[in-house]
Each structure stands twice: as C-alpha cells, then as structure tokens.
Amino acid sequence: MTEELLLGILTLLADEREQRIKDSSSEPRTELLLSNAGLGNDVIARAVNKNPDAVRMVIARAKKSVPAKKATARKTTPKAG
C-alpha cells in the first residue's frame, strides 16, 4: 500500500510539473528527471501515464539534447568582467 501511495503522489507531482513546463523547451523532461533520480522506466511510465518504451525513447532523446543545450548556453552567455 505504501508503494501505491507514493506512486500516486509522484503521479500528481509529475502531472503538475508537465502542466507548468508544457510550453518550455528549455526545461528537462520529467521522465529524464525521474530517471536521474534512480527510478526505472516501468515506474516512470506508470507515473506519467505512458508505456515503458515511450519513456525509454523520451529519456534517450532528452539525454542527447541536454549536452547540446548546455553547449549553446555556454556560447551565448556573456562572460563577466
């Protein structure tokens, strides 16, 4: 029962976050954050109401785009001094 309760809370938090960032391309995907926190694709899939294969693909694509976004940010951020 505890696991089900925690999954329910996680689902609500994930849904709230998705609603806040849905128009932002600069925010990391919720699936990536949950994966980085150590959750498996099956648990993430249940929390975000997607199938595990879709979650795996979202995470893989997000991991590819994160280094590119960081590099772009470094190039466009003016240096202090």
N, C-alpha and C. Protein backbone atom coordinates (compact mmCIF):
# COMPACT_ATOMS: atom_id res chain seq x y z
N MET A 1 0.81 -1.20 0.00
CA MET A 1 0.00 0.00 0.00
C MET A 1 0.86 1.27 0.00
N THR A 2 1.96 1.26 0.72
CA THR A 2 2.84 2.42 0.77
C THR A 2 3.38 2.75 -0.61
N GLU A 3 3.77 1.71 -1.35
CA GLU A 3 4.30 1.94 -2.70
C GLU A 3 3.24 2.55 -3.61
N GLU A 4 2.01 2.09 -3.49
CA GLU A 4 0.92 2.65 -4.30
C GLU A 4 0.66 4.10 -3.95
N LEU A 5 0.72 4.42 -2.66
CA LEU A 5 0.51 5.80 -2.22
C LEU A 5 1.61 6.71 -2.75
N LEU A 6 2.85 6.26 -2.65
CA LEU A 6 3.97 7.06 -3.16
C LEU A 6 3.88 7.24 -4.67
N LEU A 7 3.48 6.19 -5.37
CA LEU A 7 3.33 6.30 -6.82
C LEU A 7 2.22 7.30 -7.16
N GLY A 8 1.14 7.30 -6.39
CA GLY A 8 0.06 8.26 -6.60
C GLY A 8 0.52 9.69 -6.41
N ILE A 9 1.29 9.92 -5.36
CA ILE A 9 1.83 11.26 -5.11
C ILE A 9 2.78 11.67 -6.23
N LEU A 10 3.64 10.75 -6.62
CA LEU A 10 4.58 11.01 -7.71
C LEU A 10 3.84 11.35 -9.00
N THR A 11 2.77 10.63 -9.26
CA THR A 11 1.97 10.87 -10.47
C THR A 11 1.38 12.28 -10.45
N LEU A 12 0.85 12.69 -9.31
CA LEU A 12 0.29 14.04 -9.20
C LEU A 12 1.36 15.11 -9.40
N LEU A 13 2.51 14.91 -8.79
CA LEU A 13 3.60 15.88 -8.94
C LEU A 13 4.12 15.93 -10.38
N ALA A 14 4.24 14.77 -11.01
CA ALA A 14 4.70 14.74 -12.40
C ALA A 14 3.71 15.44 -13.31
N ASP A 15 2.42 15.21 -13.09
CA ASP A 15 1.40 15.86 -13.91
C ASP A 15 1.42 17.38 -13.71
N GLU A 16 1.57 17.81 -12.48
CA GLU A 16 1.63 19.25 -12.21
C GLU A 16 2.84 19.88 -12.90
N ARG A 17 3.98 19.20 -12.84
CA ARG A 17 5.18 19.71 -13.48
C ARG A 17 5.01 19.77 -14.99
N GLU A 18 4.44 18.74 -15.57
CA GLU A 18 4.23 18.71 -17.03
C GLU A 18 3.33 19.87 -17.45
N GLN A 19 2.32 20.19 -16.66
CA GLN A 19 1.43 21.31 -16.99
C GLN A 19 2.18 22.63 -16.96
N ARG A 20 3.11 22.78 -16.01
CA ARG A 20 3.87 24.03 -15.89
C ARG A 20 4.87 24.20 -17.02
N ILE A 21 5.49 23.13 -17.48
CA ILE A 21 6.57 23.25 -18.46
C ILE A 21 6.17 22.91 -19.89
N LYS A 22 4.90 22.66 -20.13
CA LYS A 22 4.49 22.13 -21.44
C LYS A 22 4.88 23.03 -22.61
N ASP A 23 5.02 24.33 -22.39
CA ASP A 23 5.39 25.23 -23.47
C ASP A 23 6.87 25.63 -23.42
N SER A 24 7.62 25.04 -22.51
CA SER A 24 9.03 25.40 -22.35
C SER A 24 9.93 24.30 -22.91
N SER A 25 10.74 24.67 -23.89
CA SER A 25 11.66 23.68 -24.44
C SER A 25 12.98 23.66 -23.68
N SER A 26 13.19 24.62 -22.78
CA SER A 26 14.45 24.68 -22.05
C SER A 26 14.44 23.83 -20.78
N GLU A 27 13.28 23.41 -20.32
CA GLU A 27 13.18 22.59 -19.11
C GLU A 27 13.41 21.13 -19.45
N PRO A 28 14.18 20.43 -18.62
CA PRO A 28 14.36 18.99 -18.87
C PRO A 28 13.04 18.25 -18.69
N ARG A 29 12.88 17.20 -19.45
CA ARG A 29 11.66 16.40 -19.38
C ARG A 29 11.52 15.74 -18.02
N THR A 30 10.31 15.59 -17.57
CA THR A 30 10.03 14.95 -16.28
C THR A 30 10.59 13.53 -16.26
N GLU A 31 10.46 12.82 -17.38
CA GLU A 31 10.97 11.45 -17.44
C GLU A 31 12.47 11.41 -17.17
N LEU A 32 13.21 12.38 -17.71
CA LEU A 32 14.66 12.43 -17.50
C LEU A 32 14.99 12.71 -16.04
N LEU A 33 14.26 13.62 -15.42
CA LEU A 33 14.50 13.92 -14.01
C LEU A 33 14.25 12.70 -13.14
N LEU A 34 13.17 11.98 -13.42
CA LEU A 34 12.85 10.79 -12.63
C LEU A 34 13.88 9.69 -12.87
N SER A 35 14.35 9.57 -14.09
CA SER A 35 15.38 8.60 -14.40
C SER A 35 16.68 8.94 -13.67
N ASN A 36 17.05 10.21 -13.67
CA ASN A 36 18.25 10.64 -12.97
C ASN A 36 18.13 10.46 -11.46
N ALA A 37 16.91 10.43 -10.96
CA ALA A 37 16.67 10.18 -9.53
C ALA A 37 16.75 8.70 -9.19
N GLY A 38 16.91 7.86 -10.22
CA GLY A 38 17.09 6.44 -9.98
C GLY A 38 15.88 5.56 -10.21
N LEU A 39 14.79 6.14 -10.70
CA LEU A 39 13.60 5.33 -10.96
C LEU A 39 13.74 4.60 -12.29
N GLY A 40 13.16 3.43 -12.37
CA GLY A 40 13.18 2.64 -13.58
C GLY A 40 12.10 3.07 -14.56
N ASN A 41 12.25 2.66 -15.80
CA ASN A 41 11.30 3.05 -16.85
C ASN A 41 9.88 2.59 -16.55
N ASP A 42 9.71 1.42 -15.94
CA ASP A 42 8.37 0.93 -15.62
C ASP A 42 7.67 1.84 -14.61
N VAL A 43 8.39 2.25 -13.59
CA VAL A 43 7.82 3.13 -12.57
C VAL A 43 7.52 4.50 -13.16
N ILE A 44 8.46 5.01 -13.94
CA ILE A 44 8.26 6.31 -14.58
C ILE A 44 7.05 6.27 -15.51
N ALA A 45 6.93 5.19 -16.26
CA ALA A 45 5.80 5.04 -17.19
C ALA A 45 4.48 5.09 -16.45
N ARG A 46 4.41 4.43 -15.32
CA ARG A 46 3.17 4.46 -14.53
C ARG A 46 2.91 5.86 -13.99
N ALA A 47 3.97 6.57 -13.60
CA ALA A 47 3.80 7.91 -13.02
C ALA A 47 3.36 8.94 -14.06
N VAL A 48 3.84 8.80 -15.29
CA VAL A 48 3.50 9.79 -16.32
C VAL A 48 2.45 9.27 -17.31
N ASN A 49 1.92 8.10 -17.03
CA ASN A 49 0.85 7.52 -17.83
C ASN A 49 1.25 7.31 -19.29
N LYS A 50 2.44 6.71 -19.47
CA LYS A 50 2.93 6.36 -20.80
C LYS A 50 3.42 4.92 -20.75
N ASN A 51 3.66 4.33 -21.91
CA ASN A 51 4.19 2.97 -21.88
C ASN A 51 5.72 3.03 -21.71
N PRO A 52 6.32 1.99 -21.15
CA PRO A 52 7.75 1.99 -20.85
C PRO A 52 8.64 2.25 -22.07
N ASP A 53 8.25 1.78 -23.24
CA ASP A 53 9.05 2.02 -24.45
C ASP A 53 9.05 3.50 -24.81
N ALA A 54 7.91 4.16 -24.65
CA ALA A 54 7.84 5.60 -24.93
C ALA A 54 8.71 6.37 -23.93
N VAL A 55 8.68 5.95 -22.69
CA VAL A 55 9.51 6.59 -21.66
C VAL A 55 10.99 6.43 -22.00
N ARG A 56 11.37 5.23 -22.41
CA ARG A 56 12.76 4.97 -22.77
C ARG A 56 13.21 5.89 -23.90
N MET A 57 12.35 6.06 -24.90
CA MET A 57 12.68 6.92 -26.04
C MET A 57 12.78 8.39 -25.62
N VAL A 58 11.86 8.84 -24.78
CA VAL A 58 11.89 10.23 -24.32
C VAL A 58 13.19 10.49 -23.56
N ILE A 59 13.57 9.56 -22.70
CA ILE A 59 14.80 9.71 -21.91
C ILE A 59 16.02 9.73 -22.83
N ALA A 60 16.07 8.83 -23.79
CA ALA A 60 17.21 8.78 -24.71
C ALA A 60 17.32 10.08 -25.50
N ARG A 61 16.21 10.59 -25.99
CA ARG A 61 16.23 11.84 -26.76
C ARG A 61 16.61 13.02 -25.87
N ALA A 62 16.10 13.03 -24.64
CA ALA A 62 16.40 14.13 -23.72
C ALA A 62 17.88 14.12 -23.36
N LYS A 63 18.45 12.94 -23.17
CA LYS A 63 19.88 12.86 -22.84
C LYS A 63 20.75 13.36 -23.99
N LYS A 64 20.31 13.13 -25.21
CA LYS A 64 21.05 13.62 -26.37
C LYS A 64 20.97 15.14 -26.48
N SER A 65 19.82 15.72 -26.13
CA SER A 65 19.65 17.16 -26.31
C SER A 65 20.22 17.97 -25.15
N VAL A 66 20.38 17.40 -23.99
CA VAL A 66 20.89 18.16 -22.84
C VAL A 66 22.30 18.67 -23.08
N PRO A 67 23.26 17.85 -23.52
CA PRO A 67 24.60 18.40 -23.77
C PRO A 67 24.60 19.49 -24.83
N ALA A 68 23.77 19.36 -25.85
CA ALA A 68 23.70 20.37 -26.90
C ALA A 68 23.16 21.69 -26.35
N LYS A 69 22.16 21.62 -25.48
CA LYS A 69 21.60 22.83 -24.88
C LYS A 69 22.62 23.50 -23.97
N LYS A 70 23.38 22.71 -23.20
CA LYS A 70 24.39 23.28 -22.32
C LYS A 70 25.49 23.97 -23.13
N ALA A 71 25.90 23.37 -24.22
CA ALA A 71 26.94 23.96 -25.07
C ALA A 71 26.45 25.26 -25.68
N THR A 72 25.21 25.29 -26.12
CA THR A 72 24.63 26.50 -26.70
C THR A 72 24.55 27.60 -25.65
N ALA A 73 24.15 27.24 -24.43
CA ALA A 73 24.04 28.21 -23.35
C ALA A 73 25.41 28.81 -23.02
N ARG A 74 26.44 28.00 -23.03
CA ARG A 74 27.79 28.49 -22.75
C ARG A 74 28.26 29.47 -23.82
N LYS A 75 27.91 29.19 -25.06
CA LYS A 75 28.34 30.06 -26.15
C LYS A 75 27.62 31.41 -26.12
N THR A 76 26.36 31.42 -25.67
CA THR A 76 25.57 32.63 -25.72
C THR A 76 25.58 33.42 -24.42
N THR A 77 26.14 32.86 -23.34
CA THR A 77 26.18 33.56 -22.06
C THR A 77 27.40 34.47 -22.03
N PRO A 78 27.17 35.79 -21.84
CA PRO A 78 28.31 36.71 -21.80
C PRO A 78 29.16 36.46 -20.55
N LYS A 79 30.47 36.62 -20.71
CA LYS A 79 31.38 36.45 -19.60
C LYS A 79 31.41 37.72 -18.74
N ALA A 80 31.48 37.49 -17.43
CA ALA A 80 31.54 38.62 -16.50
C ALA A 80 32.95 39.20 -16.51
N GLY A 81 33.05 40.52 -16.34
CA GLY A 81 34.37 41.12 -16.19
C GLY A 81 34.76 41.80 -17.41
